């Protein structure tokens, strides 16, 4: 029996790290600039945590990219 689309896992891919190293700025510095902890930023970069909408906007603004460039969601 197929899995209903509402129960399928969506894969979250973060591209924050690749944009951060282009600036370059340390994880600690960027975390302070956007108002999150370093561990939270590390989890966002690894894709193990999803940022709040506000944090995503702050990241995009600081890194001078669109939010769509920072994150990919795939079924």
N, C-alpha and C. Protein backbone atom coordinates (compact mmCIF):
# COMPACT_ATOMS: atom_id res chain seq x y z
N UNK A 1 0.84 -1.18 0.00
CA UNK A 1 0.00 0.00 0.00
C UNK A 1 0.89 1.24 0.00
N UNK A 2 0.65 2.20 -0.90
CA UNK A 2 1.49 3.41 -0.96
C UNK A 2 1.31 4.30 0.27
N UNK A 3 2.37 5.01 0.60
CA UNK A 3 2.33 5.94 1.73
C UNK A 3 1.61 7.21 1.28
N UNK A 4 0.61 7.66 2.07
CA UNK A 4 -0.09 8.90 1.73
C UNK A 4 0.89 10.07 1.67
N UNK A 5 0.67 11.00 0.77
CA UNK A 5 1.59 12.13 0.60
C UNK A 5 1.74 12.94 1.88
N UNK A 6 0.72 12.96 2.72
CA UNK A 6 0.80 13.72 3.97
C UNK A 6 1.76 13.08 4.97
N UNK A 7 2.12 11.80 4.77
CA UNK A 7 3.01 11.10 5.69
C UNK A 7 4.41 10.90 5.14
N UNK A 8 4.66 11.31 3.91
CA UNK A 8 5.99 11.17 3.33
C UNK A 8 6.95 12.14 4.01
N UNK A 9 8.17 11.69 4.20
CA UNK A 9 9.20 12.56 4.79
C UNK A 9 9.71 13.52 3.74
N UNK A 10 9.88 14.76 4.14
CA UNK A 10 10.45 15.77 3.26
C UNK A 10 11.90 15.97 3.70
N UNK A 11 12.81 15.87 2.76
CA UNK A 11 14.23 16.04 3.06
C UNK A 11 14.57 17.53 3.06
N UNK A 12 15.22 17.97 4.12
CA UNK A 12 15.63 19.35 4.30
C UNK A 12 17.13 19.44 4.06
N UNK A 13 17.54 20.26 3.11
CA UNK A 13 18.96 20.43 2.79
C UNK A 13 19.33 21.90 3.01
N UNK A 14 20.36 22.11 3.79
CA UNK A 14 20.81 23.47 4.08
C UNK A 14 22.07 23.80 3.27
N UNK A 15 22.09 24.99 2.70
CA UNK A 15 23.26 25.47 1.95
C UNK A 15 23.90 26.67 2.66
N UNK A 16 23.57 26.82 3.94
CA UNK A 16 24.07 27.97 4.71
C UNK A 16 25.59 27.94 4.79
N UNK A 17 26.17 26.79 5.08
CA UNK A 17 27.62 26.70 5.24
C UNK A 17 28.35 27.18 3.99
N UNK A 18 27.91 26.71 2.82
CA UNK A 18 28.61 27.09 1.59
C UNK A 18 28.52 28.59 1.33
N UNK A 19 27.44 29.23 1.75
CA UNK A 19 27.34 30.68 1.60
C UNK A 19 28.14 31.41 2.67
N UNK A 20 28.18 30.83 3.89
CA UNK A 20 28.90 31.48 4.99
C UNK A 20 30.40 31.54 4.71
N UNK A 21 30.96 30.47 4.16
CA UNK A 21 32.42 30.47 3.96
C UNK A 21 32.85 31.41 2.83
N UNK A 22 31.92 31.83 1.99
CA UNK A 22 32.25 32.77 0.93
C UNK A 22 32.48 34.19 1.46
N UNK A 23 31.93 34.50 2.64
CA UNK A 23 32.00 35.88 3.14
C UNK A 23 33.42 36.29 3.55
N UNK A 24 34.25 35.64 4.21
CA UNK A 24 34.09 34.57 5.17
C UNK A 24 33.75 35.13 6.56
N UNK A 25 32.99 34.36 7.31
CA UNK A 25 32.65 34.72 8.68
C UNK A 25 32.58 33.43 9.48
N UNK A 26 33.00 33.50 10.73
CA UNK A 26 32.98 32.30 11.56
C UNK A 26 31.55 31.98 11.97
N UNK A 27 31.36 30.76 12.39
CA UNK A 27 30.05 30.32 12.86
C UNK A 27 29.63 31.15 14.08
N UNK A 28 30.56 31.40 14.98
CA UNK A 28 30.25 32.17 16.19
C UNK A 28 29.83 33.60 15.83
N UNK A 29 30.57 34.22 14.92
CA UNK A 29 30.25 35.60 14.52
C UNK A 29 28.89 35.69 13.84
N UNK A 30 28.61 34.76 12.93
CA UNK A 30 27.33 34.78 12.23
C UNK A 30 26.19 34.52 13.20
N UNK A 31 26.38 33.58 14.11
CA UNK A 31 25.34 33.29 15.10
C UNK A 31 24.99 34.54 15.91
N UNK A 32 26.02 35.28 16.33
CA UNK A 32 25.78 36.53 17.08
C UNK A 32 25.04 37.55 16.23
N UNK A 33 25.43 37.68 14.98
CA UNK A 33 24.81 38.66 14.08
C UNK A 33 23.32 38.40 13.85
N UNK A 34 22.94 37.12 13.80
CA UNK A 34 21.54 36.81 13.51
C UNK A 34 20.74 36.48 14.77
N UNK A 35 21.41 36.48 15.93
CA UNK A 35 20.70 36.30 17.19
C UNK A 35 20.36 34.87 17.57
N UNK A 36 21.23 33.93 17.21
CA UNK A 36 21.05 32.54 17.64
C UNK A 36 22.35 32.05 18.25
N UNK A 37 22.30 30.91 18.90
CA UNK A 37 23.50 30.31 19.47
C UNK A 37 24.32 29.61 18.40
N UNK A 38 25.60 29.41 18.69
CA UNK A 38 26.47 28.74 17.73
C UNK A 38 26.00 27.31 17.46
N UNK A 39 25.55 26.62 18.49
CA UNK A 39 25.08 25.26 18.31
C UNK A 39 23.84 25.20 17.43
N UNK A 40 22.97 26.20 17.58
CA UNK A 40 21.77 26.26 16.73
C UNK A 40 22.18 26.47 15.27
N UNK A 41 23.12 27.37 15.04
CA UNK A 41 23.59 27.62 13.68
C UNK A 41 24.27 26.37 13.11
N UNK A 42 25.04 25.68 13.93
CA UNK A 42 25.70 24.45 13.48
C UNK A 42 24.65 23.41 13.04
N UNK A 43 23.58 23.29 13.81
CA UNK A 43 22.52 22.33 13.47
C UNK A 43 21.80 22.75 12.18
N UNK A 44 21.61 24.04 11.99
CA UNK A 44 20.99 24.54 10.75
C UNK A 44 21.89 24.23 9.57
N UNK A 45 23.20 24.47 9.73
CA UNK A 45 24.14 24.19 8.65
C UNK A 45 24.18 22.71 8.29
N UNK A 46 24.09 21.85 9.29
CA UNK A 46 24.12 20.40 9.05
C UNK A 46 22.79 19.89 8.47
N UNK A 47 21.74 20.68 8.64
CA UNK A 47 20.43 20.24 8.17
C UNK A 47 19.69 19.40 9.18
N UNK A 48 20.20 19.35 10.41
CA UNK A 48 19.52 18.58 11.45
C UNK A 48 18.48 19.40 12.19
N UNK A 49 18.47 20.71 11.96
CA UNK A 49 17.47 21.60 12.55
C UNK A 49 16.99 22.56 11.47
N UNK A 50 15.73 22.88 11.53
CA UNK A 50 15.17 23.85 10.59
C UNK A 50 15.02 25.19 11.30
N UNK A 51 15.49 26.27 10.67
CA UNK A 51 15.41 27.57 11.32
C UNK A 51 13.97 28.10 11.32
N UNK A 52 13.70 28.98 12.25
CA UNK A 52 12.42 29.68 12.23
C UNK A 52 12.42 30.58 10.99
N UNK A 53 11.26 31.06 10.62
CA UNK A 53 11.17 31.94 9.47
C UNK A 53 11.99 33.21 9.70
N UNK A 54 11.92 33.74 10.91
CA UNK A 54 12.69 34.95 11.24
C UNK A 54 14.19 34.71 11.10
N UNK A 55 14.66 33.57 11.61
CA UNK A 55 16.08 33.25 11.50
C UNK A 55 16.48 33.05 10.04
N UNK A 56 15.63 32.41 9.27
CA UNK A 56 15.92 32.21 7.84
C UNK A 56 16.04 33.56 7.13
N UNK A 57 15.13 34.50 7.44
CA UNK A 57 15.21 35.83 6.84
C UNK A 57 16.49 36.54 7.26
N UNK A 58 16.86 36.43 8.53
CA UNK A 58 18.09 37.08 9.01
C UNK A 58 19.32 36.49 8.33
N UNK A 59 19.34 35.17 8.18
CA UNK A 59 20.46 34.53 7.49
C UNK A 59 20.56 35.02 6.05
N UNK A 60 19.44 35.01 5.35
CA UNK A 60 19.43 35.44 3.95
C UNK A 60 19.88 36.89 3.82
N UNK A 61 19.39 37.74 4.70
CA UNK A 61 19.76 39.15 4.64
C UNK A 61 21.26 39.33 4.90
N UNK A 62 21.77 38.67 5.94
CA UNK A 62 23.18 38.83 6.27
C UNK A 62 24.08 38.27 5.17
N UNK A 63 23.69 37.11 4.63
CA UNK A 63 24.51 36.46 3.60
C UNK A 63 24.25 37.03 2.20
N UNK A 64 23.28 37.93 2.11
CA UNK A 64 22.93 38.62 0.85
C UNK A 64 22.52 37.65 -0.25
N UNK A 65 21.63 36.73 0.13
CA UNK A 65 21.07 35.77 -0.81
C UNK A 65 19.57 35.64 -0.55
N UNK A 66 18.88 34.97 -1.45
CA UNK A 66 17.47 34.68 -1.24
C UNK A 66 17.35 33.48 -0.31
N UNK A 67 16.25 33.43 0.43
CA UNK A 67 16.02 32.27 1.30
C UNK A 67 16.04 30.99 0.46
N UNK A 68 15.50 31.05 -0.73
CA UNK A 68 15.45 29.87 -1.60
C UNK A 68 16.84 29.34 -1.93
N UNK A 69 17.86 30.22 -1.86
CA UNK A 69 19.23 29.79 -2.12
C UNK A 69 19.85 29.08 -0.92
N UNK A 70 19.28 29.29 0.25
CA UNK A 70 19.83 28.72 1.47
C UNK A 70 19.30 27.34 1.81
N UNK A 71 18.07 27.03 1.37
CA UNK A 71 17.44 25.79 1.78
C UNK A 71 16.73 25.13 0.62
N UNK A 72 16.79 23.80 0.61
CA UNK A 72 16.10 23.00 -0.39
C UNK A 72 15.25 21.97 0.33
N UNK A 73 14.03 21.81 -0.11
CA UNK A 73 13.15 20.79 0.44
C UNK A 73 12.79 19.83 -0.70
N UNK A 74 13.01 18.54 -0.47
CA UNK A 74 12.68 17.56 -1.49
C UNK A 74 11.87 16.42 -0.89
N UNK A 75 10.91 15.91 -1.63
CA UNK A 75 10.11 14.79 -1.11
C UNK A 75 10.90 13.50 -1.07
